[in-house]
Protein backbone atom coordinates (compact mmCIF):
# COMPACT_ATOMS: atom_id res chain seq x y z
CA UNK A 1 91.16 317.64 203.78
CA UNK A 2 90.60 315.29 206.68
CA UNK A 3 90.34 316.70 210.16
CA UNK A 4 91.41 313.28 211.47
CA UNK A 5 94.75 313.67 209.71
CA UNK A 6 95.31 317.14 211.06
CA UNK A 7 94.60 315.92 214.59
CA UNK A 8 97.24 313.24 214.60
CA UNK A 9 99.88 315.28 212.81
CA UNK A 10 99.56 318.17 215.29
CA UNK A 11 99.72 316.54 218.69
CA UNK A 12 102.69 314.94 220.42
CA UNK A 13 102.19 311.18 220.64
CA UNK A 14 102.05 309.53 224.06
CA UNK A 15 101.88 305.88 225.15
CA UNK A 16 100.76 304.55 228.52
CA UNK A 17 103.52 302.83 230.47
CA UNK A 18 102.59 299.27 231.45
CA UNK A 19 99.91 298.95 228.74
CA UNK A 20 100.33 296.48 225.86
CA UNK A 21 98.02 297.96 223.20
CA UNK A 22 99.01 301.59 222.69
CA UNK A 23 98.07 302.71 219.18
CA UNK A 24 99.98 305.38 217.27
CA UNK A 25 98.48 306.75 214.04
CA UNK A 26 100.56 308.60 211.46
CA UNK A 27 99.65 309.96 208.01
CA UNK A 28 102.32 309.98 205.27
CA UNK A 29 102.70 313.06 203.10
CA UNK A 30 104.68 313.85 199.94
CA UNK A 31 105.80 317.40 199.18
CA UNK A 32 103.81 318.83 196.29
CA UNK A 33 101.12 316.16 196.59
CA UNK A 34 99.99 316.11 200.21
CA UNK A 35 98.59 313.01 201.89
CA UNK A 36 98.90 309.92 199.72
CA UNK A 37 97.54 306.41 199.28
CA UNK A 38 100.04 303.61 199.91
CA UNK A 39 99.91 300.28 198.08
CA UNK A 40 101.91 298.37 200.70
CA UNK A 41 102.10 298.51 204.48
CA UNK A 42 105.22 300.25 205.82
CA UNK A 43 107.72 298.62 208.14
CA UNK A 44 108.70 300.21 211.43
CA UNK A 45 111.34 300.14 214.14
CA UNK A 46 111.02 301.49 217.68
CA UNK A 47 114.07 302.79 219.53
CA UNK A 48 114.62 304.12 223.03
CA UNK A 49 115.53 307.80 223.60
CA UNK A 50 119.18 306.73 223.70
CA UNK A 51 118.88 304.95 220.34
CA UNK A 52 118.70 301.35 221.58
CA UNK A 53 116.56 299.12 219.32
CA UNK A 54 113.40 297.83 221.02
CA UNK A 55 111.30 296.15 218.34
CA UNK A 56 110.54 296.00 214.62
CA UNK A 57 107.47 295.04 212.64
CA UNK A 58 105.01 295.79 209.85
CA UNK A 59 102.45 298.53 210.36
CA UNK A 60 98.74 298.28 209.60
CA UNK A 61 97.24 300.49 206.89
CA UNK A 62 93.96 302.30 207.35
CA UNK A 63 92.09 304.46 204.83
CA UNK A 64 90.46 307.80 205.48
CA UNK A 65 86.90 307.49 204.25
CA UNK A 66 86.59 311.03 202.89
CA UNK A 67 89.79 311.29 200.88
CA UNK A 68 90.79 307.64 200.34
CA UNK A 69 94.27 308.28 201.69
CA UNK A 70 96.38 306.04 203.88
CA UNK A 71 97.05 306.18 207.57
CA UNK A 72 99.64 304.05 209.34
CA UNK A 73 98.76 302.29 212.60
CA UNK A 74 101.51 300.97 214.87
CA UNK A 75 100.83 299.09 218.11
CA UNK A 76 103.30 299.86 220.91
CA UNK A 77 103.53 297.26 223.66
CA UNK A 78 104.82 299.22 226.66
CA UNK A 79 104.00 296.52 229.21
CA UNK A 80 107.69 295.86 229.92
CA UNK A 81 108.39 298.74 232.29
CA UNK A 82 112.11 298.01 232.29
CA UNK A 83 112.22 298.73 228.56
CA UNK A 84 109.67 301.55 228.57
CA UNK A 85 110.75 303.98 231.26
CA UNK A 86 108.96 307.24 231.94
CA UNK A 87 110.82 309.31 229.37
CA UNK A 88 110.48 311.57 226.36
CA UNK A 89 111.59 311.08 222.77
CA UNK A 90 111.16 307.42 222.01
CA UNK A 91 111.53 306.95 218.25
CA UNK A 92 109.08 305.32 215.85
CA UNK A 93 110.98 304.99 212.56
CA UNK A 94 108.65 304.31 209.61
CA UNK A 95 109.88 303.14 206.19
CA UNK A 96 107.38 303.48 203.35
CA UNK A 97 107.28 303.64 199.57
CA UNK A 98 105.34 305.89 197.22
CA UNK A 99 105.83 306.32 193.49
CA UNK A 100 108.86 304.03 193.58
CA UNK A 101 110.66 306.23 196.11
CA UNK A 102 111.51 304.99 199.60
CA UNK A 103 110.88 307.43 202.46
CA UNK A 104 111.97 307.15 206.08
CA UNK A 105 110.24 309.23 208.75
CA UNK A 106 110.83 309.41 212.49
CA UNK A 107 107.87 310.07 214.79
CA UNK A 108 108.82 310.97 218.36
CA UNK A 109 106.63 309.90 221.27
CA UNK A 110 106.73 309.96 225.06
CA UNK A 111 106.08 307.18 227.58
CA UNK A 112 103.87 308.56 230.36
CA UNK A 113 101.76 307.29 233.26
CA UNK A 114 98.50 308.77 231.97
CA UNK A 115 98.26 310.02 228.36
CA UNK A 116 96.14 313.14 228.02
CA UNK A 117 94.18 314.52 225.08
CA UNK A 118 91.67 317.26 226.05
CA UNK A 119 89.27 316.61 223.12
CA UNK A 120 88.14 320.20 222.69
CA UNK A 121 84.91 320.46 220.69
CA UNK A 122 82.68 323.06 219.05
CA UNK A 123 80.67 323.30 222.28
CA UNK A 124 83.77 324.41 224.20
CA UNK A 125 84.52 327.22 221.74
CA UNK A 126 80.86 328.26 221.52
CA UNK A 127 80.90 328.92 225.26
CA UNK A 128 83.61 331.50 224.61
CA UNK A 129 81.95 333.02 221.51
CA UNK A 130 78.30 332.15 220.95
CA UNK A 131 78.24 332.73 217.17
CA UNK A 132 81.42 330.84 216.43
CA UNK A 133 79.69 327.97 214.60
CA UNK A 134 78.66 330.28 211.74
CA UNK A 135 82.18 331.68 211.41
CA UNK A 136 83.74 328.25 211.61
CA UNK A 137 81.41 327.07 208.86
CA UNK A 138 82.59 329.94 206.66
CA UNK A 139 86.23 329.10 207.36
CA UNK A 140 85.62 325.39 206.69
CA UNK A 141 84.04 326.21 203.32
CA UNK A 142 87.06 328.31 202.38
CA UNK A 143 89.51 325.60 203.44
CA UNK A 144 87.61 322.79 201.73
CA UNK A 145 85.39 324.08 198.86
CA UNK A 146 84.03 320.57 198.31
CA UNK A 147 82.25 320.87 201.67
CA UNK A 148 84.15 317.96 203.14
CA UNK A 149 84.99 319.84 206.35
CA UNK A 150 82.38 320.85 208.93
CA UNK A 151 82.40 323.57 211.58
CA UNK A 152 82.59 320.94 214.32
CA UNK A 153 85.55 319.23 212.68
CA UNK A 154 87.43 322.50 212.21
CA UNK A 155 86.75 323.42 215.84
CA UNK A 156 88.43 320.20 216.94
CA UNK A 157 91.45 320.96 214.73
CA UNK A 158 91.84 324.33 216.45
CA UNK A 159 91.41 322.47 219.73
CA UNK A 160 94.40 320.28 218.92
CA UNK A 161 96.47 323.30 217.91
CA UNK A 162 95.56 325.00 221.18
CA UNK A 163 96.49 321.90 223.18
CA UNK A 164 99.79 321.56 221.30
CA UNK A 165 100.66 325.16 222.26
CA UNK A 166 99.72 324.57 225.90
CA UNK A 167 101.67 321.34 226.17
CA UNK A 168 104.80 322.96 224.73
CA UNK A 169 104.66 325.71 227.34
CA UNK A 170 104.24 323.22 230.19
CA UNK A 171 107.12 321.13 228.89
CA UNK A 172 109.35 324.20 228.47
CA UNK A 173 108.80 325.16 232.12
CA UNK A 174 109.59 321.64 233.35
CA UNK A 175 112.67 321.37 231.14
CA UNK A 176 113.96 324.65 232.54
CA UNK A 177 113.63 323.16 236.02
CA UNK A 178 115.43 319.94 235.09
CA UNK A 179 112.19 317.93 235.16
CA UNK A 180 110.35 315.88 232.55
CA UNK A 181 106.78 316.08 231.31
CA UNK A 182 105.94 312.36 231.80
CA UNK A 183 106.22 312.78 235.60
CA UNK A 184 103.86 315.74 235.88
CA UNK A 185 100.55 315.09 237.65
CA UNK A 186 98.31 316.86 235.17
CA UNK A 187 95.59 319.26 236.30
CA UNK A 188 93.42 318.12 233.43
CA UNK A 189 90.55 320.57 233.95
CA UNK A 190 92.90 323.51 234.37
CA UNK A 191 95.01 322.69 231.34
CA UNK A 192 91.91 322.08 229.26
CA UNK A 193 90.70 325.59 230.18
CA UNK A 194 94.04 327.00 229.01
CA UNK A 195 93.90 325.04 225.75
CA UNK A 196 90.42 326.37 224.95
CA UNK A 197 91.73 329.94 225.08
CA UNK A 198 94.71 328.97 222.91
CA UNK A 199 92.25 327.40 220.45
CA UNK A 200 90.34 330.67 220.22
CA UNK A 201 93.64 332.38 219.40
CA UNK A 202 94.10 330.06 216.43
CA UNK A 203 90.51 330.59 215.29
CA UNK A 204 90.95 334.37 215.11
CA UNK A 205 94.44 334.06 213.64
CA UNK A 206 92.93 332.03 210.79
CA UNK A 207 90.54 334.90 210.08
CA UNK A 208 93.51 336.81 208.66
CA UNK A 209 94.58 340.37 209.25
CA UNK A 210 97.59 341.66 211.10
CA UNK A 211 98.22 344.29 213.74
CA UNK A 212 95.45 346.85 214.25
CA UNK A 213 92.78 344.72 212.59
CA UNK A 214 89.79 343.34 214.48
CA UNK A 215 90.77 339.72 213.90
CA UNK A 216 94.41 340.43 214.74
CA UNK A 217 93.49 342.21 217.95
CA UNK A 218 91.20 339.38 219.03
CA UNK A 219 93.86 336.78 218.25
CA UNK A 220 96.35 338.70 220.39
CA UNK A 221 93.76 339.10 223.16
CA UNK A 222 93.10 335.36 223.31
CA UNK A 223 96.82 334.62 223.43
CA UNK A 224 97.07 336.88 226.47
CA UNK A 225 94.04 335.15 227.98
CA UNK A 226 95.62 331.73 227.44
CA UNK A 227 98.79 332.85 229.21
CA UNK A 228 96.77 334.34 232.07
CA UNK A 229 94.91 331.05 232.54
CA UNK A 230 98.23 329.21 232.50
CA UNK A 231 99.68 331.46 235.20
CA UNK A 232 96.55 330.94 237.33
CA UNK A 233 97.33 327.21 237.57
CA UNK A 234 100.04 328.01 240.11
CA UNK A 235 102.65 325.41 240.97
CA UNK A 236 102.74 322.14 239.05
CA UNK A 237 102.26 318.85 240.88
CA UNK A 238 105.06 316.36 240.27
CA UNK A 239 105.36 312.60 240.78
CA UNK A 240 108.91 311.46 241.56
CA UNK A 241 108.24 307.81 242.46
CA UNK A 242 105.76 306.76 239.78
CA UNK A 243 102.74 306.13 242.03
CA UNK A 244 100.51 308.70 240.26
CA UNK A 245 100.36 310.73 243.48
CA UNK A 246 101.83 314.20 243.89
CA UNK A 247 104.92 314.18 246.08
CA UNK A 248 106.40 317.57 245.20
CA UNK A 249 105.60 320.74 243.31
CA UNK A 250 107.52 322.74 240.75
CA UNK A 251 107.48 326.48 240.10
CA UNK A 252 104.52 328.19 238.50
CA UNK A 253 104.34 329.98 235.15
CA UNK A 254 104.76 333.40 236.79
CA UNK A 255 108.35 334.23 235.84
CA UNK A 256 110.46 337.34 235.77
CA UNK A 257 110.91 339.36 232.60
CA UNK A 258 113.72 341.91 232.36
CA UNK A 259 113.78 345.15 230.38
CA UNK A 260 117.04 347.03 229.89
CA UNK A 261 117.24 350.73 229.15
CA UNK A 262 119.90 353.44 229.30
CA UNK A 263 118.67 354.42 232.76
CA UNK A 264 118.88 350.94 234.24
CA UNK A 265 116.79 347.81 234.30
CA UNK A 266 113.28 347.08 235.49
CA UNK A 267 111.60 343.80 236.35
CA UNK A 268 108.01 342.76 236.09
CA UNK A 269 106.09 339.56 236.65
CA UNK A 270 105.04 337.77 233.50
CA UNK A 271 104.97 334.58 231.48
CA UNK A 272 107.86 333.32 229.41
CA UNK A 273 111.58 333.85 229.13
CA UNK A 274 113.57 337.00 229.88
CA UNK A 275 113.32 339.75 227.28
CA UNK A 276 116.06 342.34 226.84
CA UNK A 277 115.31 345.64 225.09
């Protein structure tokens, strides 16, 4: 198992608008086999969110040093700002062959002003739980018995999972307000703090055990902590005119949840969508 592969297959891809050398890395997989080694470089096509063709080309193959499996590099030239608007869901369509079978995969990516990847490490998680390196080492040994995965590498995988969760919540809030993620002025330190808590949730979830177990309770506790940190961010700064400066704010993550009973309805402040019971 390569932690590099898990990183790039977890996070949402982003390219920097106005920059000519954005690099997107993707790792092909085959059901029943896993990650594979390709004998020929795939071809690719990039389309706009509306489906308009932008460019085509041949990707560059790279090889993971631990497992000798192929990764696919594609360079995205987003220097033409008329073609690459601030928008979500550009399409990278990759055509590749393995075992005589042709596969076509679509990788979605966003064009943003400032791509963000929090790069959460073992040190970040150790500040939340001092003995986590020992437990991560045990988990890594169980995941990869050949000792190809380290505690630090596994910590960074959980970091990416935590960031993916956090980003989805931010995007969901903006979408509900009719806004788009690429125009948000990111509070990087605040969001990183949220993602660390979400990473701890994934660490304890991987320990196994359901409701009323120690690991299950700690996983649930860290999920609550992540949501609390998200709410504490307050309103989100928003850039409407593409100058990288906040010119408006959008609502915070403190929303209203509704409970319905036979005696009426009650409301309470919380995070997420309405719940009806």
